[in-house]
Amino acid sequence: MSGREVVTLPDDGSVASDGAARLLAALAKAQAERGVASVVLTGGGIGIAMLEAVASSPDLGSVDWSRVEVFWGDERFVPAGSEDRNDAQARDALLDRLDLDPARVHPVPSSTPGPSALESEDSADPDAGAQAYAQVLADAAARLGEGVPGLPAFDVLLAGCGPEGHTLSVFPDSPAVHATAPGVVAVRDCPKPPPTRISLTLAAARSAREVWLVATGSSKAEVLGRAAHGASEVEVPLAGLAGTERTLWLLDEAASADL
């Protein structure tokens, strides 16, 4: 795994714009090297702000969006199209403005039984949804190349974090953080709503070439400091984020205060 690189910027707007520029450059570089680029998106305020900054960037055309594979690291297990879903927010912020190949966009299953407009295998059972997404990832790995068995070597995986240290939908000392195999898990009884979710495990996230943690605000400072100073991923799941080639923390000054 790569060593951690920390970039501190003045404020959340700077983090969003800097992250957008970096993401466009990374996807263009991946396409130049491998033909197709892959990205794992995140939700949250700064994650969506970063996608909005991509949408407004003058360099938007530097990426051939028809050759980008889009995944999500976690999702709220609510009905398809719900505004609570990360994929719905990502579509509003960026994806609906792009010339994406629908076959390359891979939303996490929703709680809506049967086929949905989100083109995933939806299910009322989060465990079945997790299994279905694991198969989506295995099929993608066959096309894109494996990072670990059954999972693509994602070019960039974006992740946020909460003030208690969760990342993706992996919470401290939860069943998901103790799921040490790379894969996809159903998450129940989350300490923040909605309580049921589907998430990559930390080991699955570590199949990515580059993992970027994007965080802003003073509420994140204490837990980021704990992670930077050696807290375990069981206590602080964000400490378990790492890419095979690069691990990048993009923070504002408030979030980096305790590093």
Protein backbone atom coordinates (compact mmCIF):
# COMPACT_ATOMS: atom_id res chain seq x y z
CA MET A 1 0.00 0.00 0.00
CA SER A 2 1.10 3.54 -0.67
CA GLY A 3 2.13 6.06 1.94
CA ARG A 4 -0.32 8.79 2.81
CA GLU A 5 -0.09 12.19 1.09
CA VAL A 6 -1.92 15.10 2.72
CA VAL A 7 -2.91 18.24 0.82
CA THR A 8 -4.36 21.08 2.89
CA LEU A 9 -6.35 23.84 1.19
CA PRO A 10 -7.89 27.01 2.62
CA ASP A 11 -11.58 26.08 2.60
CA ASP A 12 -14.21 23.67 1.31
CA GLY A 13 -14.59 25.52 -2.00
CA SER A 14 -10.87 25.14 -2.62
CA VAL A 15 -11.05 21.43 -1.78
CA ALA A 16 -13.90 20.93 -4.25
CA SER A 17 -12.18 22.78 -7.10
CA ASP A 18 -8.76 21.25 -6.46
CA GLY A 19 -10.26 17.79 -6.19
CA ALA A 20 -12.17 18.30 -9.44
CA ALA A 21 -9.02 19.31 -11.30
CA ARG A 22 -7.13 16.35 -9.89
CA LEU A 23 -9.93 13.94 -10.82
CA LEU A 24 -10.12 15.14 -14.40
CA ALA A 25 -6.35 14.81 -14.75
CA ALA A 26 -6.34 11.32 -13.20
CA LEU A 27 -9.12 10.03 -15.45
CA ALA A 28 -7.48 11.47 -18.58
CA LYS A 29 -4.17 9.87 -17.58
CA ALA A 30 -5.84 6.50 -16.98
CA GLN A 31 -7.49 6.64 -20.40
CA ALA A 32 -4.18 7.49 -22.04
CA GLU A 33 -2.57 4.49 -20.35
CA ARG A 34 -5.36 1.89 -20.40
CA GLY A 35 -8.09 3.14 -22.74
CA VAL A 36 -10.84 3.11 -20.12
CA ALA A 37 -10.88 4.95 -16.77
CA SER A 38 -12.79 3.89 -13.67
CA VAL A 39 -13.93 5.94 -10.69
CA VAL A 40 -15.75 5.09 -7.47
CA LEU A 41 -17.91 7.99 -6.33
CA THR A 42 -18.90 9.06 -2.86
CA GLY A 43 -21.73 11.17 -1.45
CA GLY A 44 -21.76 13.78 1.28
CA GLY A 45 -21.58 17.52 1.01
CA ILE A 46 -17.98 17.83 -0.14
CA GLY A 47 -18.17 14.77 -2.39
CA ILE A 48 -21.12 16.22 -4.29
CA ALA A 49 -19.57 19.71 -4.32
CA MET A 50 -16.52 18.19 -6.00
CA LEU A 51 -18.72 16.66 -8.72
CA GLU A 52 -20.39 20.04 -9.24
CA ALA A 53 -16.91 21.54 -9.66
CA VAL A 54 -16.10 18.89 -12.26
CA ALA A 55 -19.28 19.82 -14.15
CA SER A 56 -18.28 23.49 -14.30
CA SER A 57 -14.59 22.91 -15.06
CA PRO A 58 -13.20 24.26 -18.35
CA ASP A 59 -11.29 20.98 -18.59
CA LEU A 60 -14.41 18.80 -18.58
CA GLY A 61 -13.75 17.81 -22.18
CA SER A 62 -10.27 16.48 -21.39
CA VAL A 63 -11.94 13.16 -20.48
CA ASP A 64 -13.77 10.93 -22.95
CA TRP A 65 -16.75 10.26 -20.71
CA SER A 66 -18.05 7.48 -22.94
CA ARG A 67 -14.99 5.50 -21.80
CA VAL A 68 -15.42 6.04 -18.05
CA GLU A 69 -16.76 3.29 -15.78
CA VAL A 70 -18.64 4.70 -12.76
CA PHE A 71 -19.19 2.86 -9.47
CA TRP A 72 -20.19 3.80 -5.93
CA GLY A 73 -18.42 2.88 -2.71
CA ASP A 74 -21.61 2.76 -0.69
CA GLU A 75 -25.28 3.56 -0.94
CA ARG A 76 -28.32 4.16 1.22
CA PHE A 77 -30.70 1.20 0.85
CA VAL A 78 -33.77 3.26 -0.01
CA PRO A 79 -36.08 3.30 -3.05
CA ALA A 80 -34.66 3.96 -6.50
CA GLY A 81 -34.61 7.63 -7.37
CA SER A 82 -34.74 8.80 -3.74
CA GLU A 83 -32.94 12.08 -3.12
CA ASP A 84 -31.20 10.32 -0.23
CA ARG A 85 -29.30 8.08 -2.64
CA ASN A 86 -25.73 8.98 -3.52
CA ASP A 87 -26.33 8.06 -7.15
CA ALA A 88 -29.32 10.41 -7.47
CA GLN A 89 -27.25 13.28 -6.05
CA ALA A 90 -24.34 12.43 -8.37
CA ARG A 91 -26.62 12.42 -11.39
CA ASP A 92 -27.99 15.84 -10.49
CA ALA A 93 -24.52 17.27 -9.81
CA LEU A 94 -22.66 15.84 -12.80
CA LEU A 95 -23.57 12.55 -14.44
CA ASP A 96 -26.71 13.67 -16.26
CA ARG A 97 -24.63 16.34 -18.00
CA LEU A 98 -22.12 13.87 -19.44
CA ASP A 99 -22.02 11.66 -22.51
CA LEU A 100 -21.75 8.51 -20.43
CA ASP A 101 -22.32 5.02 -21.77
CA PRO A 102 -25.24 3.75 -19.61
CA ALA A 103 -23.70 0.27 -19.63
CA ARG A 104 -20.65 1.69 -17.86
CA VAL A 105 -22.62 3.30 -15.00
CA HIS A 106 -23.10 0.89 -12.10
CA PRO A 107 -25.42 2.10 -9.32
CA VAL A 108 -25.73 0.02 -6.16
CA PRO A 109 -29.04 -1.86 -5.94
CA SER A 110 -31.91 -0.03 -4.28
CA SER A 111 -34.68 -1.26 -2.00
CA THR A 112 -37.19 -1.10 -4.86
CA PRO A 113 -38.10 -4.68 -5.86
CA GLY A 114 -37.59 -5.51 -9.51
CA PRO A 115 -35.92 -3.61 -12.36
CA SER A 116 -35.61 0.15 -11.98
CA ALA A 117 -34.67 3.16 -14.04
CA LEU A 118 -31.26 3.01 -12.35
CA GLU A 119 -30.41 -0.11 -14.35
CA SER A 120 -29.38 -2.27 -11.43
CA GLU A 121 -30.74 -5.47 -10.00
CA ASP A 122 -32.88 -4.03 -7.23
CA SER A 123 -34.07 -6.09 -4.28
CA ALA A 124 -35.97 -5.62 -1.06
CA ASP A 125 -33.20 -7.59 0.68
CA PRO A 126 -29.92 -5.70 1.32
CA ASP A 127 -27.94 -8.95 1.50
CA ALA A 128 -29.19 -9.91 -1.96
CA GLY A 129 -28.40 -6.40 -3.13
CA ALA A 130 -24.86 -6.70 -1.79
CA GLN A 131 -24.43 -10.03 -3.58
CA ALA A 132 -25.75 -8.53 -6.82
CA TYR A 133 -23.30 -5.63 -6.62
CA ALA A 134 -20.45 -8.02 -5.89
CA GLN A 135 -21.29 -9.75 -9.17
CA VAL A 136 -21.34 -6.40 -10.99
CA LEU A 137 -17.85 -5.73 -9.66
CA ALA A 138 -16.61 -9.21 -10.58
CA ASP A 139 -17.87 -8.73 -14.14
CA ALA A 140 -16.15 -5.34 -14.28
CA ALA A 141 -12.90 -6.85 -13.01
CA ALA A 142 -12.90 -9.19 -15.99
CA ARG A 143 -13.00 -6.14 -18.29
CA LEU A 144 -10.83 -3.68 -16.38
CA GLY A 145 -8.32 -5.95 -14.68
CA GLU A 146 -8.35 -7.17 -11.10
CA GLY A 147 -7.01 -5.27 -8.12
CA VAL A 148 -7.78 -8.18 -5.83
CA PRO A 149 -9.68 -11.33 -6.86
CA GLY A 150 -13.19 -10.42 -7.94
CA LEU A 151 -12.72 -6.65 -7.79
CA PRO A 152 -11.53 -4.13 -10.36
CA ALA A 153 -8.33 -2.19 -9.93
CA PHE A 154 -10.28 1.07 -9.78
CA ASP A 155 -8.30 4.05 -11.02
CA VAL A 156 -9.63 6.44 -8.36
CA LEU A 157 -11.83 5.71 -5.35
CA LEU A 158 -13.30 8.76 -3.63
CA ALA A 159 -14.34 8.56 0.02
CA GLY A 160 -15.59 10.92 2.66
CA CYS A 161 -15.74 10.49 6.42
CA GLY A 162 -17.91 11.28 9.40
CA PRO A 163 -16.93 12.94 12.68
CA GLU A 164 -16.87 9.54 14.42
CA GLY A 165 -14.51 8.13 11.77
CA HIS A 166 -16.79 6.18 9.47
CA THR A 167 -15.97 6.02 5.78
CA LEU A 168 -18.02 4.46 3.00
CA SER A 169 -20.74 2.96 5.23
CA VAL A 170 -18.20 1.27 7.50
CA PHE A 171 -18.67 2.49 11.07
CA PRO A 172 -16.40 2.06 14.11
CA ASP A 173 -16.48 -1.40 15.72
CA SER A 174 -19.33 -2.49 13.43
CA PRO A 175 -19.80 -5.82 11.63
CA ALA A 176 -18.70 -4.12 8.40
CA VAL A 177 -15.34 -3.01 9.84
CA HIS A 178 -14.74 -6.57 11.04
CA ALA A 179 -15.47 -7.92 7.54
CA THR A 180 -11.84 -8.25 6.54
CA ALA A 181 -12.35 -9.90 3.13
CA PRO A 182 -12.60 -7.70 0.04
CA GLY A 183 -16.23 -7.58 -1.02
CA VAL A 184 -19.62 -5.93 -0.62
CA VAL A 185 -21.69 -6.08 2.56
CA ALA A 186 -25.15 -5.16 3.75
CA VAL A 187 -24.99 -2.69 6.63
CA ARG A 188 -27.77 -2.53 9.20
CA ASP A 189 -28.42 -0.39 12.26
CA CYS A 190 -26.18 2.49 11.15
CA PRO A 191 -25.90 5.10 13.89
CA LYS A 192 -27.01 7.77 11.39
CA PRO A 193 -30.03 7.55 9.08
CA PRO A 194 -30.92 5.81 6.94
CA PRO A 195 -30.00 2.74 9.00
CA THR A 196 -29.70 0.22 6.16
CA ARG A 197 -27.02 0.52 3.48
CA ILE A 198 -24.79 -1.42 1.12
CA SER A 199 -21.04 -0.80 1.20
CA LEU A 200 -17.69 -1.93 -0.06
CA THR A 201 -15.52 -3.28 2.72
CA LEU A 202 -12.29 -1.48 3.52
CA ALA A 203 -10.37 -4.36 1.94
CA ALA A 204 -12.38 -3.85 -1.26
CA ALA A 205 -11.60 -0.13 -1.26
CA ARG A 206 -7.92 -1.00 -1.03
CA SER A 207 -8.13 -2.65 -4.46
CA ALA A 208 -8.07 0.84 -6.01
CA ARG A 209 -4.89 2.25 -7.51
CA GLU A 210 -5.61 5.61 -5.89
CA VAL A 211 -7.79 6.24 -2.83
CA TRP A 212 -8.68 9.85 -2.07
CA LEU A 213 -10.22 10.86 1.24
CA VAL A 214 -11.96 14.22 0.82
CA ALA A 215 -12.96 15.94 4.07
CA THR A 216 -13.71 19.44 5.30
CA GLY A 217 -14.80 21.15 8.50
CA SER A 218 -13.69 21.31 12.11
CA SER A 219 -15.98 18.40 13.08
CA LYS A 220 -13.60 16.04 11.23
CA ALA A 221 -10.38 17.36 12.77
CA GLU A 222 -10.24 15.20 15.90
CA VAL A 223 -10.89 11.90 14.14
CA LEU A 224 -8.52 12.70 11.29
CA GLY A 225 -5.86 13.45 13.89
CA ARG A 226 -6.49 10.10 15.55
CA ALA A 227 -6.19 8.29 12.22
CA ALA A 228 -3.00 10.15 11.32
CA HIS A 229 -1.45 9.22 14.66
CA GLY A 230 -2.03 5.49 14.46
CA ALA A 231 -5.62 4.67 15.44
CA SER A 232 -6.76 1.27 14.21
CA GLU A 233 -9.34 0.94 11.46
CA VAL A 234 -11.66 -0.81 13.92
CA GLU A 235 -11.70 2.35 16.05
CA VAL A 236 -11.47 4.80 13.14
CA PRO A 237 -12.40 3.12 9.85
CA LEU A 238 -11.02 5.95 7.71
CA ALA A 239 -7.57 4.91 8.93
CA GLY A 240 -7.97 1.76 6.83
CA LEU A 241 -8.23 3.61 3.52
CA ALA A 242 -5.24 3.08 1.25
CA GLY A 243 -4.57 2.75 -2.45
CA THR A 244 -2.12 0.39 -4.08
CA GLU A 245 -0.31 3.30 -5.74
CA ARG A 246 -1.47 6.43 -3.92
CA THR A 247 -3.36 7.44 -0.79
CA LEU A 248 -4.39 11.09 -0.83
CA TRP A 249 -6.13 13.15 1.83
CA LEU A 250 -7.65 16.37 0.45
CA LEU A 251 -8.55 18.52 3.46
CA ASP A 252 -9.35 22.10 4.31
CA GLU A 253 -7.52 23.92 7.09
CA ALA A 254 -10.28 23.27 9.61
CA ALA A 255 -10.26 19.52 9.04
CA SER A 256 -6.46 19.31 9.19
CA ALA A 257 -6.13 21.19 12.50
CA ASP A 258 -5.22 18.11 14.58
CA LEU A 259 -2.81 16.43 12.15
